[in-house]
Amino acid sequence: MTWLFEIYINYFPCLDLKIDVIIQEKPIIHPSPMACGDHVAVVAVDIGSAFSGYAYQYRTDYLKNPTENITCPLWIEKNNKATGKTASSLLLNPDGSFNSFGFNAEVVYSKMFRDHLNGDFKDDKFLNKSPLDWFLFKNFKMRLYEKEVLRRNMKINDETGKKGLPIKTIFRESIGFFKRHALEALCKEKDVRSDDVFWVLTVPAIWSEPAKQLMRVAAIEAGIPSESLTLALEPEAAVLFTKEQKLCPQSRNGKVDLVPFTPGSMFMVIDLGGGTGDITIHEVQSDQSLHEKSMATGGDWGGNKINETFLEIWKDILGKEFTQCMKEYPDEILELQHEFEFQKRSIGENTGKRCLYIPIPECCREIPHFKKKFEESTKYPGLKVNRGKTEFPNEMIECLFLDKIKKHVGGLLTQNSVDAIILVGGFSESKLIYKSMKDTFQNIKILNPPECGLSVLKGAVLYGFQPQQIAERVSRYSYGFSIRVPFDPEVHCSERDLVHKVDKEVEDVFRPIILAGENVVANEEREYRCRTAYLGLIQVEFYGTRDSNPKYVNDYEEFKPEFPCLHIGDIVGKYDSNGKPDNNEVLLRVVFGHTQLNVTAEFVVKGEKKLTNARFELLT
């Protein structure tokens, strides 16, 4: 049984050409192993919403002991504390060129404003420019959250709200900074060339395919060769590193030792970063590989959500005057955010402190009746102002975010039985997170392993060496095509069906190649044949949705489901039109089971098989 699939060729709109695609009723599946390269070293780069960094390991060290000698360079915070990650802050010059990244970018930005205030600011390259002409970007990663359709030239504004730059440029410059930093470190240690390095770029598991493609394109534009680059899903990376650690007690000969997770163990990993919280559930197999048991879920529950709410409190209380401070004194507001970020980490510790004591920025002290406005706020009772500091009760911060996380985890646990919940990611370093989860889920082992803030980075290095360890995944999206089918009055009897009826056919029917919630093994292929239009071109519209049972694409507004089926991009390719394919057909093989979708194309000319270039183009 076959279906007829109608596609319009956009390369030649004036011709109004059509192609037919024949989709097999039962797709052929070809599981095959993934191969690792033989690079000298693997470098993993994690561009986080709040903090970013990189890690690396040499192949010789990996072969001796996978979890040892993974290097994470240290970065110095303003308070001279050394950390494994730096701030996700990118400073660009007025012409959009790179200036600095991380803690250093914030220091440079603040110094420019101080010099400007003192009348000492001058930049020989950008004469007659003020500090406000520079671009500072923070928390830019979250702009790709829930972007299921993505424009290639999408722009975002900087921290001051001025005219923005393409988000691809922002990621490109950020990745480029870490690429240069990593290569310099490797070349100092050993005789390593750039083509000796394999690169791994981390992305949230809950991101869409277009968002992943944008990250990959940005990395390639930053100078990383496509053939030496892969993406790793952040919670999966954390799972790989966690699996190798000795976290489980086991009794042997009367002694209790800590051992890694054994085959049959099922555990939930909650990866809490600055922007999102990703949750996955994996089972350890007999060969030590991992099978995902439930599709990745999550939300915008990261540490930055608290930071945003903290600033909203100031905006609510001080109104337009605080907004004006943000525009005129962004360096002072940046200091305010730094202080809150530093102090919030201590919530939950037995320090005896019941409040956060946040210094008041100089610009805010000049606001008339500042103290009265804070202490008499009815929306935020309990705030105090004392000797240049605002006092925020810990309870006010605690209730800002924990309820959503706990409710979501509770729902997952009703459907899945796990041996342990493992907290990883930078935000999970907060003692408050661990205490709250332990109090809520008392019958489940809650683990907060050492280096939990670096587990994604170190696990991404392991993924670069052993991607085959993630042997089975659960698709988070349904993917497929738009087809037309014969009208059947017994089947197509609803009002929704009838609006899609054209003559004797029903149009815009979603024909899946995979459904959300379906299991796929690594490198799983599904084949489809499409008829070409003799022009040497392939362009097949590709659709995606989080709906596990989609029916139509391009639904009318009154029938649009909770998760609409969206045209997320195309499968495109070329072939030699001088050699006309037999039966005018091209065989598409869509490859699943990796962190990104891949596609290949094959056609037959006079009985001889020929491969042709094909790819997903998911950035509109």
Foldseek 3Di string as FASTA:
>chain_A
DWFWFWDFDPVCVVVRDIWTWTFDPDWDKDDDFDDADQFQKEKEWELFQFWTFIWMDGPVVCVVPNQPPTDQDWDQAPVRDTDSTFTQKFKAALVRHGDDGGNVNLVVLLVQLVCVVVVNHDDPVDGPDHSLSMFMAHSLLCVQPPCQAFALFDWDGGQLRPGTGGVLSSLLSVLLVNLVVVVVVVVVVDVHDSVSYAYEYEDALNGHQLSVVSNLVSPVVSPRDSVRYDYDHQQQLLVQNQQQDFDDWDDDPNDTDGGGDAAQAKEWEWAAAAFKTKIWIWGQHNVRFIATDWRIDIDRQHNVLLLVVVVVVVCVLQPPQVSVCCNSPVSQVVQQSVLCVVQLLAPQPPPVDQWRWTFDRPSLVPRPPSQVSQDVDPVQHDWHDDDRTITGGSVVSLPSHDVVVLVVVVVVCVVDPHQAYEYAADRSSRNSNQVVVCVSCVVHHYHDDPPRNCSSNSSSSVCSRCVCSHFKHFAQKWKFAWGKDFDDCVVQVDPQQVVQDDPGIGTQFGDTPDFGRDMDGAFIKTKIKMADDLPQKDKGFMKMWSDRDDTGAPGDPVPADPIHIDRQFIKIWGDPSVQQFVVRMKMKIWTDHGSHIFIWIWTHGPNRIDTTDIGTDRHD
